[in-house]
Amino acid sequence: MRTVTGRAMLAAVVLASGVASAQSVPSAAQGCNGCHGPAGEGAGSIPAIAGTLDRDAFLEAMRQFRADQRPATIMNRISRGFTDAELAQMADLFARRQ
């Protein structure tokens, strides 16, 4: 029997509750809320990620964090936890937000 991952469990709960929709936030992007705020607005020394970079620039920044080519306190480690598909979902979401 396979173990259910945290992301799969979260997706199941969201879908079961009827909250999921075409406009919902991808589960990977929900992890950004803790530091960058629920709308990606940032606060204090944490930068805003909503509407500040276009999709390609967001993806490039995340790739640079992954490769330790961009200065970071924690994003270099966090970025390694996401798949390319999850990063693309986040880039799409935050590039659209204002």
C-alpha atoms as a PDB file:
ATOM      1  CA  MET A   1       0.000   0.000   0.000  1.00  0.00           C
ATOM      2  CA  ARG A   2       1.326   3.427  -0.909  1.00  0.00           C
ATOM      3  CA  THR A   3       1.657   6.191   1.625  1.00  0.00           C
ATOM      4  CA  VAL A   4      -0.394   9.290   0.927  1.00  0.00           C
ATOM      5  CA  THR A   5       1.786  12.403   0.753  1.00  0.00           C
ATOM      6  CA  GLY A   6       0.909  15.647   2.486  1.00  0.00           C
ATOM      7  CA  ARG A   7       0.156  17.353  -0.825  1.00  0.00           C
ATOM      8  CA  ALA A   8      -2.087  14.522  -1.976  1.00  0.00           C
ATOM      9  CA  MET A   9      -3.916  14.601   1.346  1.00  0.00           C
ATOM     10  CA  LEU A  10      -4.392  18.370   1.101  1.00  0.00           C
ATOM     11  CA  ALA A  11      -5.707  18.045  -2.453  1.00  0.00           C
ATOM     12  CA  ALA A  12      -8.147  15.349  -1.369  1.00  0.00           C
ATOM     13  CA  VAL A  13      -9.451  17.491   1.490  1.00  0.00           C
ATOM     14  CA  VAL A  14      -9.850  20.549  -0.742  1.00  0.00           C
ATOM     15  CA  LEU A  15     -11.635  18.596  -3.460  1.00  0.00           C
ATOM     16  CA  ALA A  16     -13.872  16.818  -0.969  1.00  0.00           C
ATOM     17  CA  SER A  17     -14.880  20.119   0.609  1.00  0.00           C
ATOM     18  CA  GLY A  18     -15.961  21.535  -2.733  1.00  0.00           C
ATOM     19  CA  VAL A  19     -13.597  24.487  -2.386  1.00  0.00           C
ATOM     20  CA  ALA A  20     -11.527  23.666  -5.461  1.00  0.00           C
ATOM     21  CA  SER A  21     -12.325  25.586  -8.611  1.00  0.00           C
ATOM     22  CA  ALA A  22     -10.600  26.886 -11.703  1.00  0.00           C
ATOM     23  CA  GLN A  23      -9.771  30.009  -9.698  1.00  0.00           C
ATOM     24  CA  SER A  24      -8.383  28.226  -6.627  1.00  0.00           C
ATOM     25  CA  VAL A  25      -4.785  28.536  -5.505  1.00  0.00           C
ATOM     26  CA  PRO A  26      -2.555  25.572  -6.424  1.00  0.00           C
ATOM     27  CA  SER A  27      -1.583  23.664  -3.289  1.00  0.00           C
ATOM     28  CA  ALA A  28       2.114  24.320  -3.923  1.00  0.00           C
ATOM     29  CA  ALA A  29       1.490  28.077  -3.897  1.00  0.00           C
ATOM     30  CA  GLN A  30      -0.323  27.860  -0.572  1.00  0.00           C
ATOM     31  CA  GLY A  31       3.047  27.189   1.030  1.00  0.00           C
ATOM     32  CA  CYS A  32       4.111  30.708   0.060  1.00  0.00           C
ATOM     33  CA  ASN A  33       1.455  32.209   2.351  1.00  0.00           C
ATOM     34  CA  GLY A  34       3.432  31.744   5.555  1.00  0.00           C
ATOM     35  CA  CYS A  35       6.133  34.219   4.556  1.00  0.00           C
ATOM     36  CA  HIS A  36       4.830  36.184   1.572  1.00  0.00           C
ATOM     37  CA  GLY A  37       1.244  36.575   2.839  1.00  0.00           C
ATOM     38  CA  PRO A  38      -2.049  35.096   1.620  1.00  0.00           C
ATOM     39  CA  ALA A  39      -2.083  37.244  -1.518  1.00  0.00           C
ATOM     40  CA  GLY A  40       1.688  37.271  -2.056  1.00  0.00           C
ATOM     41  CA  GLU A  41       1.879  40.866  -0.854  1.00  0.00           C
ATOM     42  CA  GLY A  42       4.991  40.442   1.316  1.00  0.00           C
ATOM     43  CA  ALA A  43       5.679  42.312   4.539  1.00  0.00           C
ATOM     44  CA  GLY A  44       8.713  43.915   6.122  1.00  0.00           C
ATOM     45  CA  SER A  45      11.859  42.327   4.731  1.00  0.00           C
ATOM     46  CA  ILE A  46       9.853  39.609   2.918  1.00  0.00           C
ATOM     47  CA  PRO A  47       9.329  40.756  -0.682  1.00  0.00           C
ATOM     48  CA  ALA A  48       6.011  40.821  -2.481  1.00  0.00           C
ATOM     49  CA  ILE A  49       5.717  38.098  -5.119  1.00  0.00           C
ATOM     50  CA  ALA A  50       2.293  38.998  -6.488  1.00  0.00           C
ATOM     51  CA  GLY A  51       2.395  41.045  -9.657  1.00  0.00           C
ATOM     52  CA  THR A  52       6.061  41.975  -9.244  1.00  0.00           C
ATOM     53  CA  LEU A  53       7.562  39.578 -11.803  1.00  0.00           C
ATOM     54  CA  ASP A  54       6.235  38.219 -15.061  1.00  0.00           C
ATOM     55  CA  ARG A  55       5.956  34.442 -15.402  1.00  0.00           C
ATOM     56  CA  ASP A  56       9.372  33.923 -16.984  1.00  0.00           C
ATOM     57  CA  ALA A  57      11.156  36.175 -14.486  1.00  0.00           C
ATOM     58  CA  PHE A  58       9.511  34.329 -11.578  1.00  0.00           C
ATOM     59  CA  LEU A  59      10.637  30.969 -12.966  1.00  0.00           C
ATOM     60  CA  GLU A  60      14.163  32.252 -13.571  1.00  0.00           C
ATOM     61  CA  ALA A  61      14.369  33.558 -10.004  1.00  0.00           C
ATOM     62  CA  MET A  62      13.274  30.182  -8.630  1.00  0.00           C
ATOM     63  CA  ARG A  63      15.809  28.374 -10.849  1.00  0.00           C
ATOM     64  CA  GLN A  64      18.537  30.698  -9.594  1.00  0.00           C
ATOM     65  CA  PHE A  65      17.536  30.006  -5.977  1.00  0.00           C
ATOM     66  CA  ARG A  66      17.690  26.247  -6.670  1.00  0.00           C
ATOM     67  CA  ALA A  67      21.182  26.547  -8.155  1.00  0.00           C
ATOM     68  CA  ASP A  68      22.477  28.839  -5.373  1.00  0.00           C
ATOM     69  CA  GLN A  69      23.016  31.563  -7.973  1.00  0.00           C
ATOM     70  CA  ARG A  70      20.757  34.094  -6.241  1.00  0.00           C
ATOM     71  CA  PRO A  71      21.323  35.324  -2.673  1.00  0.00           C
ATOM     72  CA  ALA A  72      18.841  33.869  -0.202  1.00  0.00           C
ATOM     73  CA  THR A  73      18.359  33.160   3.453  1.00  0.00           C
ATOM     74  CA  ILE A  74      15.941  30.280   2.925  1.00  0.00           C
ATOM     75  CA  MET A  75      14.523  30.384  -0.622  1.00  0.00           C
ATOM     76  CA  ASN A  76      17.456  28.361  -1.944  1.00  0.00           C
ATOM     77  CA  ARG A  77      16.320  25.461   0.232  1.00  0.00           C
ATOM     78  CA  ILE A  78      12.582  25.968  -0.225  1.00  0.00           C
ATOM     79  CA  SER A  79      12.811  26.158  -4.027  1.00  0.00           C
ATOM     80  CA  ARG A  80      14.335  22.677  -4.162  1.00  0.00           C
ATOM     81  CA  GLY A  81      11.148  21.225  -2.677  1.00  0.00           C
ATOM     82  CA  PHE A  82       9.008  22.048  -5.702  1.00  0.00           C
ATOM     83  CA  THR A  83       8.730  20.293  -9.038  1.00  0.00           C
ATOM     84  CA  ASP A  84       9.041  22.253 -12.283  1.00  0.00           C
ATOM     85  CA  ALA A  85       5.280  21.859 -12.785  1.00  0.00           C
ATOM     86  CA  GLU A  86       4.556  23.308  -9.327  1.00  0.00           C
ATOM     87  CA  LEU A  87       6.873  26.254  -9.981  1.00  0.00           C
ATOM     88  CA  ALA A  88       5.069  26.884 -13.275  1.00  0.00           C
ATOM     89  CA  GLN A  89       1.714  26.938 -11.457  1.00  0.00           C
ATOM     90  CA  MET A  90       3.081  29.421  -8.940  1.00  0.00           C
ATOM     91  CA  ALA A  91       4.572  31.585 -11.699  1.00  0.00           C
ATOM     92  CA  ASP A  92       1.230  31.677 -13.494  1.00  0.00           C
ATOM     93  CA  LEU A  93      -0.627  32.583 -10.309  1.00  0.00           C
ATOM     94  CA  PHE A  94       1.672  35.289  -8.979  1.00  0.00           C
ATOM     95  CA  ALA A  95       2.282  36.896 -12.381  1.00  0.00           C
ATOM     96  CA  ARG A  96      -1.509  37.400 -12.735  1.00  0.00           C
ATOM     97  CA  ARG A  97      -2.008  38.938  -9.299  1.00  0.00           C
ATOM     98  CA  GLN A  98      -1.809  42.663  -8.713  1.00  0.00           C
END
